Amino acid sequence: MKVKGTAVRVLPDFVKEKYPALYEQWLNSLKPESYEIFSKPIFPSDWFELVDTHSHPTIVLAGLLDKDPQDVAFDIGMYSAESALTGIYNVFLKIASLKFTFRRIHDFFKAYYSPIIFEIWETGDNFVKFKFGYTTEEENLLYYRNKGWGAKLIELARPESNPYLDFDIFEYKNDLYYAVFTAQW
């Protein structure tokens, strides 16, 4: 899977803001393909390999922090959503229904990831269930990052609610996987 530069830039910003003393060590610990990407300007319109820009760098950061990569990916997702959903978008979240917002998430995913599959499976007044994928096993860390992003989205849109967001990963075929997310608020 490929990921757009806008989403790639979040990771070094996260490290610089949350762990500034580790930034150089993190950067220098990356494999050559990832180092090459993060040591130069990242343009929002460029596309990159997901493993080189999300999975591997997150695993390296988790090792430096002595944390589970899934937890670090979740935290990066929360940070990314908080950064993206401020200002005018925050006002939109307050007036739009979350059901409407989640129905539009296909457009969001399509703008940041390629190729993707996205299907809304079920919706209710305060509930949505959707399928997102396909990834390789090495790319599955993306689902934890998206879980963090979605959790922050719900928190910002409905701070009074008791949000729930989780997913299950399923094997599709030929080392491809997808996740089924369930969100309630």
Protein backbone atom coordinates (compact mmCIF):
# COMPACT_ATOMS: atom_id res chain seq x y z
CA MET A 1 0.00 0.00 0.00
CA LYS A 2 1.11 3.55 -0.66
CA VAL A 3 0.56 6.51 1.66
CA LYS A 4 0.42 10.19 0.80
CA GLY A 5 3.09 12.59 2.06
CA THR A 6 0.60 14.49 4.21
CA ALA A 7 0.15 11.39 6.38
CA VAL A 8 3.87 10.59 6.31
CA ARG A 9 4.81 14.00 7.74
CA VAL A 10 2.84 13.27 10.90
CA LEU A 11 5.37 10.76 12.24
CA PRO A 12 8.46 13.00 12.41
CA ASP A 13 6.25 15.81 13.77
CA PHE A 14 5.01 13.44 16.47
CA VAL A 15 8.53 12.39 17.44
CA LYS A 16 9.79 15.99 17.47
CA GLU A 17 6.91 17.17 19.65
CA LYS A 18 6.51 14.24 22.03
CA TYR A 19 10.08 12.90 22.20
CA PRO A 20 12.44 15.64 20.97
CA ALA A 21 15.47 14.15 22.72
CA LEU A 22 14.99 10.91 20.76
CA TYR A 23 14.47 12.42 17.32
CA GLU A 24 18.05 12.09 16.01
CA GLN A 25 18.45 8.63 17.51
CA TRP A 26 15.13 7.56 15.94
CA LEU A 27 16.10 8.98 12.55
CA ASN A 28 19.56 7.38 12.60
CA SER A 29 18.07 4.01 13.63
CA LEU A 30 15.85 3.76 10.56
CA LYS A 31 16.61 1.38 7.72
CA PRO A 32 18.14 3.15 4.68
CA GLU A 33 14.86 3.36 2.71
CA SER A 34 13.09 5.04 5.61
CA TYR A 35 16.03 7.26 6.51
CA GLU A 36 16.14 8.51 2.93
CA ILE A 37 12.50 9.58 3.14
CA PHE A 38 12.59 11.20 6.59
CA SER A 39 15.94 12.97 6.18
CA LYS A 40 14.58 15.11 3.31
CA PRO A 41 11.56 17.38 2.93
CA ILE A 42 8.36 15.36 2.59
CA PHE A 43 5.98 16.89 0.10
CA PRO A 44 2.25 16.44 0.79
CA SER A 45 1.46 15.27 -2.74
CA ASP A 46 4.15 12.54 -2.93
CA TRP A 47 3.30 8.88 -2.40
CA PHE A 48 5.45 6.48 -0.35
CA GLU A 49 5.52 2.80 0.62
CA LEU A 50 3.54 2.23 3.82
CA VAL A 51 6.12 -0.13 5.33
CA ASP A 52 8.93 2.42 4.89
CA THR A 53 6.96 5.38 6.25
CA HIS A 54 4.59 3.94 8.84
CA SER A 55 5.31 0.39 9.94
CA HIS A 56 9.10 0.27 10.20
CA PRO A 57 9.56 3.79 11.68
CA THR A 58 6.83 3.13 14.25
CA ILE A 59 8.46 -0.15 15.28
CA VAL A 60 11.83 1.62 15.65
CA LEU A 61 10.26 4.35 17.80
CA ALA A 62 8.47 1.76 19.93
CA GLY A 63 11.80 0.01 20.52
CA LEU A 64 13.42 3.25 21.66
CA LEU A 65 10.49 3.89 24.00
CA ASP A 66 10.30 0.27 25.18
CA LYS A 67 6.61 0.23 24.23
CA ASP A 68 4.39 -2.01 22.15
CA PRO A 69 4.36 -0.83 18.49
CA GLN A 70 0.56 -1.12 18.45
CA ASP A 71 0.30 1.33 21.35
CA VAL A 72 2.73 3.75 19.69
CA ALA A 73 0.79 3.53 16.40
CA PHE A 74 -2.43 4.30 18.30
CA ASP A 75 -0.80 7.34 19.94
CA ILE A 76 0.44 8.57 16.55
CA GLY A 77 -3.10 8.25 15.20
CA MET A 78 -4.50 10.26 18.11
CA TYR A 79 -1.87 12.94 17.54
CA SER A 80 -2.59 13.01 13.81
CA ALA A 81 -6.33 13.46 14.33
CA GLU A 82 -5.84 16.17 16.91
CA SER A 83 -3.54 18.03 14.50
CA ALA A 84 -5.87 17.58 11.54
CA LEU A 85 -9.20 18.20 13.24
CA THR A 86 -8.64 21.63 14.72
CA GLY A 87 -10.00 24.98 13.62
CA ILE A 88 -12.75 24.84 11.02
CA TYR A 89 -12.82 21.05 11.02
CA ASN A 90 -13.55 21.03 14.75
CA VAL A 91 -16.59 23.25 14.15
CA PHE A 92 -17.74 20.87 11.40
CA LEU A 93 -17.41 17.93 13.79
CA LYS A 94 -19.61 19.66 16.34
CA ILE A 95 -22.46 20.24 13.86
CA ALA A 96 -22.22 17.19 11.59
CA SER A 97 -23.40 13.82 12.75
CA LEU A 98 -20.72 11.22 13.35
CA LYS A 99 -22.71 8.84 11.18
CA PHE A 100 -22.39 11.31 8.29
CA THR A 101 -18.69 11.79 9.05
CA PHE A 102 -17.98 8.06 9.08
CA ARG A 103 -19.85 7.66 5.79
CA ARG A 104 -17.42 10.19 4.29
CA ILE A 105 -14.37 8.40 5.68
CA HIS A 106 -13.99 6.55 2.37
CA ASP A 107 -13.01 9.87 0.77
CA PHE A 108 -10.50 10.48 3.54
CA PHE A 109 -8.93 7.04 3.19
CA LYS A 110 -8.86 7.34 -0.60
CA ALA A 111 -7.00 10.66 -0.32
CA TYR A 112 -4.28 9.18 1.92
CA TYR A 113 -3.94 5.50 0.98
CA SER A 114 -3.76 3.61 -2.30
CA PRO A 115 -5.07 1.16 -3.21
CA ILE A 116 -7.81 0.70 -0.63
CA ILE A 117 -11.03 -1.14 -0.17
CA PHE A 118 -13.66 0.49 2.01
CA GLU A 119 -17.20 -0.67 2.69
CA ILE A 120 -19.77 0.50 5.22
CA TRP A 121 -21.28 -2.69 6.63
CA GLU A 122 -23.77 -1.36 9.18
CA THR A 123 -24.93 1.96 10.59
CA GLY A 124 -27.22 3.02 13.41
CA ASP A 125 -27.97 6.20 15.32
CA ASN A 126 -24.74 6.00 17.31
CA PHE A 127 -22.97 3.16 15.58
CA VAL A 128 -21.03 2.34 12.42
CA LYS A 129 -19.23 -0.78 11.26
CA PHE A 130 -16.93 -0.67 8.23
CA LYS A 131 -14.32 -2.68 6.38
CA PHE A 132 -10.96 -1.16 5.46
CA GLY A 133 -7.97 -2.77 3.73
CA TYR A 134 -6.10 -4.44 2.06
CA THR A 135 -2.71 -4.60 3.69
CA THR A 136 0.11 -7.08 3.99
CA GLU A 137 0.92 -8.50 7.39
CA GLU A 138 3.85 -6.10 7.61
CA GLU A 139 1.47 -3.17 7.02
CA ASN A 140 -1.19 -4.18 9.56
CA LEU A 141 0.16 -1.69 12.10
CA LEU A 142 -1.76 0.92 10.08
CA TYR A 143 -5.02 -0.31 11.64
CA TYR A 144 -3.82 0.66 15.12
CA ARG A 145 -2.91 4.11 13.87
CA ASN A 146 -6.34 4.47 12.27
CA LYS A 147 -7.94 3.28 15.51
CA GLY A 148 -6.22 6.16 17.32
CA TRP A 149 -7.32 8.60 14.63
CA GLY A 150 -10.92 7.43 14.82
CA ALA A 151 -10.97 7.44 18.62
CA LYS A 152 -9.78 11.07 18.66
CA LEU A 153 -12.35 11.94 15.97
CA ILE A 154 -15.17 10.61 18.17
CA GLU A 155 -13.72 12.27 21.27
CA LEU A 156 -13.52 15.66 19.55
CA ALA A 157 -16.94 15.38 17.93
CA ARG A 158 -18.81 14.07 20.95
CA PRO A 159 -16.80 14.75 24.12
CA GLU A 160 -19.85 13.98 26.27
CA SER A 161 -20.20 10.46 24.86
CA ASN A 162 -18.60 7.25 26.01
CA PRO A 163 -16.92 6.32 22.72
CA TYR A 164 -15.90 2.85 21.67
CA LEU A 165 -13.76 2.05 18.65
CA ASP A 166 -12.09 -1.24 17.94
CA PHE A 167 -11.32 -3.56 15.06
CA ASP A 168 -10.60 -7.11 14.10
CA ILE A 169 -8.11 -8.12 11.42
CA PHE A 170 -9.04 -10.84 8.94
CA GLU A 171 -6.97 -12.58 6.33
CA TYR A 172 -8.34 -12.04 2.86
CA LYS A 173 -6.03 -14.07 0.59
CA ASN A 174 -2.45 -14.22 -0.65
CA ASP A 175 -1.02 -12.52 2.45
CA LEU A 176 -3.58 -9.70 2.28
CA TYR A 177 -5.57 -8.56 5.29
CA TYR A 178 -8.41 -6.21 6.08
CA ALA A 179 -9.85 -4.78 9.27
CA VAL A 180 -13.45 -4.47 10.35
CA PHE A 181 -13.86 -1.42 12.56
CA THR A 182 -16.75 -0.95 14.96
CA ALA A 183 -17.42 2.53 16.33
CA GLN A 184 -20.02 3.52 18.92
CA TRP A 185 -20.65 6.87 20.60
